[in-house]
Amino acid sequence: MADEVVLLDFWASMFGMRVRVALAEKGIKYEGKEEDLTNKSPLLLQMNPIHKKMPVLIHNGKPICESLIIVQYIDEVWHDRAPLLPSDPYQRAQARFWADFIDKKMYNSGWKVWTTKGEEQEAGKKEFLENLKTLEAELGDKPYFGGDRFGFVDIAFVVFYSWFHAYETFGNFSVEAECPKLLAWARRCMEKESVSKSLPDQKKVYEFVAQMRKKYEAE
């Protein structure tokens, strides 16, 4: 029986992008269903009743939620091609640690950069840049976070690249000036078709973020 794979997603969602990259890396065909942030579909509410958020991967009718869990699920189910997590238990644990760091640290500090102003924004920017530098130190001189092979941590983090222009514009800083190795790594990842075709254009994301910022200011 052929696998039926459906992805409930939103084009600008970094978390959805992770799943798109993982599916592309594995060469898995799927049906993408675009969600409306302000009017979530009955299918999304049925498939993720706890958090009511996308992305949700529906594999043969069964839902898997939360982007990092979905990526690990994809790696385990389609384990015969393009492994995303290392086989060594210690290295696997390290990859999960850094992906968790990205989830807990990068998103929240990035959120502050584009949704706030003044002192709060400056604090968010400082935190965001410190987190970037921590990740740059972990990357070191390796081509990818896991070494020579593009993998789990790269997928967890490269999706932020599509938002860099928005962060830089609203936060008034340059990722390249602050973390040149990290930007070189992001560009290296973008040379992979699985990444470049899964991530939206930075300017399109910036326009979306600018509209969202106005909405937050109006509320």
C-alpha atoms as a PDB file:
ATOM      1  CA  MET A   1       0.000   0.000   0.000  1.00  0.00           C
ATOM      2  CA  ALA A   2       1.309   3.420  -0.940  1.00  0.00           C
ATOM      3  CA  ASP A   3       1.875   5.866   1.883  1.00  0.00           C
ATOM      4  CA  GLU A   4      -0.619   8.703   2.111  1.00  0.00           C
ATOM      5  CA  VAL A   5       1.210  11.776   3.402  1.00  0.00           C
ATOM      6  CA  VAL A   6      -0.502  15.119   4.011  1.00  0.00           C
ATOM      7  CA  LEU A   7       1.096  18.228   5.538  1.00  0.00           C
ATOM      8  CA  LEU A   8      -1.033  20.933   7.161  1.00  0.00           C
ATOM      9  CA  ASP A   9       1.170  23.972   6.891  1.00  0.00           C
ATOM     10  CA  PHE A  10       1.490  27.749   6.511  1.00  0.00           C
ATOM     11  CA  TRP A  11       3.973  29.114   3.970  1.00  0.00           C
ATOM     12  CA  ALA A  12       5.808  31.505   6.337  1.00  0.00           C
ATOM     13  CA  SER A  13       5.969  29.086   9.282  1.00  0.00           C
ATOM     14  CA  MET A  14       9.542  28.173  10.176  1.00  0.00           C
ATOM     15  CA  PHE A  15       8.199  25.052  11.827  1.00  0.00           C
ATOM     16  CA  GLY A  16       6.374  24.010   8.669  1.00  0.00           C
ATOM     17  CA  MET A  17       9.517  24.685   6.636  1.00  0.00           C
ATOM     18  CA  ARG A  18      11.409  22.130   8.749  1.00  0.00           C
ATOM     19  CA  VAL A  19       8.973  19.417   7.751  1.00  0.00           C
ATOM     20  CA  ARG A  20       9.077  20.467   4.086  1.00  0.00           C
ATOM     21  CA  VAL A  21      12.894  20.250   4.085  1.00  0.00           C
ATOM     22  CA  ALA A  22      12.872  16.826   5.789  1.00  0.00           C
ATOM     23  CA  LEU A  23      10.307  15.445   3.315  1.00  0.00           C
ATOM     24  CA  ALA A  24      12.315  16.860   0.395  1.00  0.00           C
ATOM     25  CA  GLU A  25      15.570  15.381   1.738  1.00  0.00           C
ATOM     26  CA  LYS A  26      13.934  11.971   1.852  1.00  0.00           C
ATOM     27  CA  GLY A  27      12.228  12.421  -1.515  1.00  0.00           C
ATOM     28  CA  ILE A  28       8.764  11.774  -0.048  1.00  0.00           C
ATOM     29  CA  LYS A  29       5.749  12.806  -2.100  1.00  0.00           C
ATOM     30  CA  TYR A  30       3.029  14.501  -0.070  1.00  0.00           C
ATOM     31  CA  GLU A  31      -0.034  16.691  -0.354  1.00  0.00           C
ATOM     32  CA  GLY A  32       0.467  20.141   1.181  1.00  0.00           C
ATOM     33  CA  LYS A  33      -2.605  21.872   2.607  1.00  0.00           C
ATOM     34  CA  GLU A  34      -2.183  25.575   3.310  1.00  0.00           C
ATOM     35  CA  GLU A  35      -3.806  26.760   6.532  1.00  0.00           C
ATOM     36  CA  ASP A  36      -5.285  30.179   7.311  1.00  0.00           C
ATOM     37  CA  LEU A  37      -3.830  31.565  10.560  1.00  0.00           C
ATOM     38  CA  THR A  38      -7.031  33.429  11.423  1.00  0.00           C
ATOM     39  CA  ASN A  39      -9.480  30.711  10.392  1.00  0.00           C
ATOM     40  CA  LYS A  40      -8.049  27.288  11.152  1.00  0.00           C
ATOM     41  CA  SER A  41      -9.540  24.397   9.225  1.00  0.00           C
ATOM     42  CA  PRO A  42     -11.744  21.745  10.877  1.00  0.00           C
ATOM     43  CA  LEU A  43      -9.129  19.181   9.771  1.00  0.00           C
ATOM     44  CA  LEU A  44      -6.369  21.004  11.683  1.00  0.00           C
ATOM     45  CA  LEU A  45      -8.533  21.275  14.831  1.00  0.00           C
ATOM     46  CA  GLN A  46      -9.403  17.588  14.531  1.00  0.00           C
ATOM     47  CA  MET A  47      -5.802  16.475  13.937  1.00  0.00           C
ATOM     48  CA  ASN A  48      -4.168  18.701  16.576  1.00  0.00           C
ATOM     49  CA  PRO A  49      -6.882  19.318  19.207  1.00  0.00           C
ATOM     50  CA  ILE A  50      -4.349  19.996  21.983  1.00  0.00           C
ATOM     51  CA  HIS A  51      -2.279  22.849  20.505  1.00  0.00           C
ATOM     52  CA  LYS A  52      -4.445  23.663  17.439  1.00  0.00           C
ATOM     53  CA  LYS A  53      -1.264  24.615  15.559  1.00  0.00           C
ATOM     54  CA  MET A  54       0.452  23.643  12.361  1.00  0.00           C
ATOM     55  CA  PRO A  55       2.469  21.909  11.081  1.00  0.00           C
ATOM     56  CA  VAL A  56       0.714  18.584  11.343  1.00  0.00           C
ATOM     57  CA  LEU A  57       1.897  15.596   9.336  1.00  0.00           C
ATOM     58  CA  ILE A  58      -0.883  13.123   8.589  1.00  0.00           C
ATOM     59  CA  HIS A  59       0.605   9.753   7.657  1.00  0.00           C
ATOM     60  CA  ASN A  60      -1.961   7.174   6.542  1.00  0.00           C
ATOM     61  CA  GLY A  61      -4.654   9.032   8.494  1.00  0.00           C
ATOM     62  CA  LYS A  62      -2.646   9.367  11.721  1.00  0.00           C
ATOM     63  CA  PRO A  63      -1.499  12.841  12.883  1.00  0.00           C
ATOM     64  CA  ILE A  64       1.992  13.707  14.145  1.00  0.00           C
ATOM     65  CA  CYS A  65       2.415  17.162  15.709  1.00  0.00           C
ATOM     66  CA  GLU A  66       5.318  19.478  16.668  1.00  0.00           C
ATOM     67  CA  SER A  67       7.963  20.085  14.016  1.00  0.00           C
ATOM     68  CA  LEU A  68      11.009  18.446  15.643  1.00  0.00           C
ATOM     69  CA  ILE A  69       8.968  15.375  16.570  1.00  0.00           C
ATOM     70  CA  ILE A  70       7.662  15.222  12.987  1.00  0.00           C
ATOM     71  CA  VAL A  71      11.198  15.438  11.545  1.00  0.00           C
ATOM     72  CA  GLN A  72      12.350  12.603  13.846  1.00  0.00           C
ATOM     73  CA  TYR A  73       9.289  10.561  12.865  1.00  0.00           C
ATOM     74  CA  ILE A  74      10.071  11.083   9.161  1.00  0.00           C
ATOM     75  CA  ASP A  75      13.654   9.959   9.794  1.00  0.00           C
ATOM     76  CA  GLU A  76      12.519   6.811  11.620  1.00  0.00           C
ATOM     77  CA  VAL A  77       9.783   5.789   9.166  1.00  0.00           C
ATOM     78  CA  TRP A  78      11.798   6.419   5.994  1.00  0.00           C
ATOM     79  CA  HIS A  79      15.087   5.270   7.535  1.00  0.00           C
ATOM     80  CA  ASP A  80      16.364   3.686   4.328  1.00  0.00           C
ATOM     81  CA  ARG A  81      17.347   7.004   2.704  1.00  0.00           C
ATOM     82  CA  ALA A  82      19.137  10.260   3.604  1.00  0.00           C
ATOM     83  CA  PRO A  83      19.507   9.757   7.396  1.00  0.00           C
ATOM     84  CA  LEU A  84      18.895  12.985   9.307  1.00  0.00           C
ATOM     85  CA  LEU A  85      19.990  11.955  12.804  1.00  0.00           C
ATOM     86  CA  PRO A  86      23.395  10.361  13.540  1.00  0.00           C
ATOM     87  CA  SER A  87      23.473   6.622  14.262  1.00  0.00           C
ATOM     88  CA  ASP A  88      25.778   7.085  17.295  1.00  0.00           C
ATOM     89  CA  PRO A  89      23.630   7.487  20.460  1.00  0.00           C
ATOM     90  CA  TYR A  90      25.819  10.249  21.930  1.00  0.00           C
ATOM     91  CA  GLN A  91      25.881  12.264  18.706  1.00  0.00           C
ATOM     92  CA  ARG A  92      22.128  11.742  18.355  1.00  0.00           C
ATOM     93  CA  ALA A  93      21.600  13.099  21.882  1.00  0.00           C
ATOM     94  CA  GLN A  94      23.799  16.115  21.047  1.00  0.00           C
ATOM     95  CA  ALA A  95      21.795  16.812  17.883  1.00  0.00           C
ATOM     96  CA  ARG A  96      18.568  16.724  19.903  1.00  0.00           C
ATOM     97  CA  PHE A  97      20.107  19.048  22.506  1.00  0.00           C
ATOM     98  CA  TRP A  98      20.993  21.692  19.908  1.00  0.00           C
ATOM     99  CA  ALA A  99      17.648  21.414  18.125  1.00  0.00           C
ATOM    100  CA  ASP A 100      15.969  21.926  21.518  1.00  0.00           C
ATOM    101  CA  PHE A 101      18.229  24.956  22.166  1.00  0.00           C
ATOM    102  CA  ILE A 102      17.119  26.446  18.827  1.00  0.00           C
ATOM    103  CA  ASP A 103      13.444  25.882  19.677  1.00  0.00           C
ATOM    104  CA  LYS A 104      13.670  27.343  23.173  1.00  0.00           C
ATOM    105  CA  LYS A 105      16.088  30.219  22.563  1.00  0.00           C
ATOM    106  CA  MET A 106      16.026  31.392  18.940  1.00  0.00           C
ATOM    107  CA  TYR A 107      12.311  31.679  18.308  1.00  0.00           C
ATOM    108  CA  ASN A 108      11.470  33.673  21.453  1.00  0.00           C
ATOM    109  CA  SER A 109      14.369  36.121  21.094  1.00  0.00           C
ATOM    110  CA  GLY A 110      13.602  36.529  17.381  1.00  0.00           C
ATOM    111  CA  TRP A 111       9.955  37.208  18.240  1.00  0.00           C
ATOM    112  CA  LYS A 112      11.013  40.092  20.497  1.00  0.00           C
ATOM    113  CA  VAL A 113      13.136  41.607  17.694  1.00  0.00           C
ATOM    114  CA  TRP A 114      10.168  42.139  15.355  1.00  0.00           C
ATOM    115  CA  THR A 115       7.197  42.552  17.723  1.00  0.00           C
ATOM    116  CA  THR A 116       8.614  45.050  20.256  1.00  0.00           C
ATOM    117  CA  LYS A 117      10.280  48.473  20.361  1.00  0.00           C
ATOM    118  CA  GLY A 118      12.683  50.423  22.558  1.00  0.00           C
ATOM    119  CA  GLU A 119      14.361  48.754  25.514  1.00  0.00           C
ATOM    120  CA  GLU A 120      12.433  45.504  25.134  1.00  0.00           C
ATOM    121  CA  GLN A 121      13.510  45.209  21.501  1.00  0.00           C
ATOM    122  CA  GLU A 122      17.145  45.983  22.394  1.00  0.00           C
ATOM    123  CA  ALA A 123      17.072  43.246  25.046  1.00  0.00           C
ATOM    124  CA  GLY A 124      15.569  40.828  22.504  1.00  0.00           C
ATOM    125  CA  LYS A 125      18.181  41.763  19.915  1.00  0.00           C
ATOM    126  CA  LYS A 126      21.027  41.254  22.419  1.00  0.00           C
ATOM    127  CA  GLU A 127      19.627  37.848  23.351  1.00  0.00           C
ATOM    128  CA  PHE A 128      19.089  36.899  19.682  1.00  0.00           C
ATOM    129  CA  LEU A 129      22.674  37.779  18.726  1.00  0.00           C
ATOM    130  CA  GLU A 130      24.090  35.948  21.770  1.00  0.00           C
ATOM    131  CA  ASN A 131      22.147  32.842  20.722  1.00  0.00           C
ATOM    132  CA  LEU A 132      23.437  33.155  17.152  1.00  0.00           C
ATOM    133  CA  LYS A 133      27.010  33.391  18.449  1.00  0.00           C
ATOM    134  CA  THR A 134      26.481  30.306  20.642  1.00  0.00           C
ATOM    135  CA  LEU A 135      25.333  28.390  17.559  1.00  0.00           C
ATOM    136  CA  GLU A 136      28.215  29.744  15.489  1.00  0.00           C
ATOM    137  CA  ALA A 137      30.663  28.494  18.135  1.00  0.00           C
ATOM    138  CA  GLU A 138      29.014  25.047  18.061  1.00  0.00           C
ATOM    139  CA  LEU A 139      29.243  24.977  14.247  1.00  0.00           C
ATOM    140  CA  GLY A 140      32.945  25.883  14.366  1.00  0.00           C
ATOM    141  CA  ASP A 141      34.698  25.090  11.087  1.00  0.00           C
ATOM    142  CA  LYS A 142      32.419  22.184  10.177  1.00  0.00           C
ATOM    143  CA  PRO A 143      30.443  22.376   6.906  1.00  0.00           C
ATOM    144  CA  TYR A 144      27.249  21.384   8.783  1.00  0.00           C
ATOM    145  CA  PHE A 145      26.314  21.063  12.451  1.00  0.00           C
ATOM    146  CA  GLY A 146      26.662  17.280  12.326  1.00  0.00           C
ATOM    147  CA  GLY A 147      29.957  17.390  10.421  1.00  0.00           C
ATOM    148  CA  ASP A 148      30.165  16.668   6.688  1.00  0.00           C
ATOM    149  CA  ARG A 149      26.525  15.651   6.345  1.00  0.00           C
ATOM    150  CA  PHE A 150      23.459  17.936   6.334  1.00  0.00           C
ATOM    151  CA  GLY A 151      21.148  16.733   9.090  1.00  0.00           C
ATOM    152  CA  PHE A 152      18.762  17.268  11.982  1.00  0.00           C
ATOM    153  CA  VAL A 153      20.249  20.415  13.569  1.00  0.00           C
ATOM    154  CA  ASP A 154      20.718  22.030  10.149  1.00  0.00           C
ATOM    155  CA  ILE A 155      17.032  21.430   9.388  1.00  0.00           C
ATOM    156  CA  ALA A 156      16.025  22.794  12.801  1.00  0.00           C
ATOM    157  CA  PHE A 157      17.955  26.023  12.270  1.00  0.00           C
ATOM    158  CA  VAL A 158      18.260  26.807   8.537  1.00  0.00           C
ATOM    159  CA  VAL A 159      14.577  27.773   8.379  1.00  0.00           C
ATOM    160  CA  PHE A 160      15.417  30.923  10.361  1.00  0.00           C
ATOM    161  CA  TYR A 161      17.421  32.075   7.335  1.00  0.00           C
ATOM    162  CA  SER A 162      14.208  33.005   5.519  1.00  0.00           C
ATOM    163  CA  TRP A 163      13.405  35.373   8.402  1.00  0.00           C
ATOM    164  CA  PHE A 164      16.902  36.917   8.683  1.00  0.00           C
ATOM    165  CA  HIS A 165      16.050  39.912   6.463  1.00  0.00           C
ATOM    166  CA  ALA A 166      13.050  40.739   8.668  1.00  0.00           C
ATOM    167  CA  TYR A 167      15.057  40.386  11.893  1.00  0.00           C
ATOM    168  CA  GLU A 168      17.884  42.512  10.491  1.00  0.00           C
ATOM    169  CA  THR A 169      15.567  45.241   9.209  1.00  0.00           C
ATOM    170  CA  PHE A 170      13.501  45.606  12.377  1.00  0.00           C
ATOM    171  CA  GLY A 171      16.446  45.026  14.723  1.00  0.00           C
ATOM    172  CA  ASN A 172      18.915  47.162  12.733  1.00  0.00           C
ATOM    173  CA  PHE A 173      21.799  44.685  12.655  1.00  0.00           C
ATOM    174  CA  SER A 174      23.597  42.433  10.170  1.00  0.00           C
ATOM    175  CA  VAL A 175      23.865  38.680  10.708  1.00  0.00           C
ATOM    176  CA  GLU A 176      26.824  38.576   8.312  1.00  0.00           C
ATOM    177  CA  ALA A 177      28.698  41.237  10.314  1.00  0.00           C
ATOM    178  CA  GLU A 178      27.948  39.525  13.642  1.00  0.00           C
ATOM    179  CA  CYS A 179      28.234  35.854  12.630  1.00  0.00           C
ATOM    180  CA  PRO A 180      29.937  35.449   9.227  1.00  0.00           C
ATOM    181  CA  LYS A 181      30.523  31.688   9.598  1.00  0.00           C
ATOM    182  CA  LEU A 182      26.878  31.124  10.398  1.00  0.00           C
ATOM    183  CA  LEU A 183      25.725  33.043   7.341  1.00  0.00           C
ATOM    184  CA  ALA A 184      28.200  31.104   5.165  1.00  0.00           C
ATOM    185  CA  TRP A 185      26.711  27.887   6.590  1.00  0.00           C
ATOM    186  CA  ALA A 186      23.153  29.092   5.791  1.00  0.00           C
ATOM    187  CA  ARG A 187      24.151  29.875   2.201  1.00  0.00           C
ATOM    188  CA  ARG A 188      25.788  26.458   1.928  1.00  0.00           C
ATOM    189  CA  CYS A 189      22.508  24.861   3.055  1.00  0.00           C
ATOM    190  CA  MET A 190      20.604  26.962   0.511  1.00  0.00           C
ATOM    191  CA  GLU A 191      22.644  25.335  -2.257  1.00  0.00           C
ATOM    192  CA  LYS A 192      20.724  22.146  -1.492  1.00  0.00           C
ATOM    193  CA  GLU A 193      17.533  21.872  -3.545  1.00  0.00           C
ATOM    194  CA  SER A 194      15.655  20.380  -0.575  1.00  0.00           C
ATOM    195  CA  VAL A 195      16.290  23.635   1.314  1.00  0.00           C
ATOM    196  CA  SER A 196      16.064  26.266  -1.430  1.00  0.00           C
ATOM    197  CA  LYS A 197      12.735  24.906  -2.710  1.00  0.00           C
ATOM    198  CA  SER A 198      11.263  24.596   0.790  1.00  0.00           C
ATOM    199  CA  LEU A 199      12.100  28.089   2.102  1.00  0.00           C
ATOM    200  CA  PRO A 200      10.203  31.194   0.923  1.00  0.00           C
ATOM    201  CA  ASP A 201      11.907  34.333  -0.341  1.00  0.00           C
ATOM    202  CA  GLN A 202      13.271  36.576   2.443  1.00  0.00           C
ATOM    203  CA  LYS A 203      11.585  39.699   1.053  1.00  0.00           C
ATOM    204  CA  LYS A 204       8.211  37.941   0.901  1.00  0.00           C
ATOM    205  CA  VAL A 205       8.655  36.909   4.547  1.00  0.00           C
ATOM    206  CA  TYR A 206       9.654  40.485   5.453  1.00  0.00           C
ATOM    207  CA  GLU A 207       6.429  41.836   3.883  1.00  0.00           C
ATOM    208  CA  PHE A 208       4.392  39.286   5.852  1.00  0.00           C
ATOM    209  CA  VAL A 209       6.220  40.170   9.094  1.00  0.00           C
ATOM    210  CA  ALA A 210       5.720  43.915   8.475  1.00  0.00           C
ATOM    211  CA  GLN A 211       1.959  43.344   8.146  1.00  0.00           C
ATOM    212  CA  MET A 212       1.922  41.231  11.313  1.00  0.00           C
ATOM    213  CA  ARG A 213       3.862  43.925  13.184  1.00  0.00           C
ATOM    214  CA  LYS A 214       1.283  46.553  12.203  1.00  0.00           C
ATOM    215  CA  LYS A 215      -1.450  44.239  13.442  1.00  0.00           C
ATOM    216  CA  TYR A 216       0.275  43.824  16.822  1.00  0.00           C
ATOM    217  CA  GLU A 217       0.758  47.592  17.088  1.00  0.00           C
ATOM    218  CA  ALA A 218      -2.947  48.141  16.381  1.00  0.00           C
ATOM    219  CA  GLU A 219      -4.095  45.708  19.062  1.00  0.00           C
END
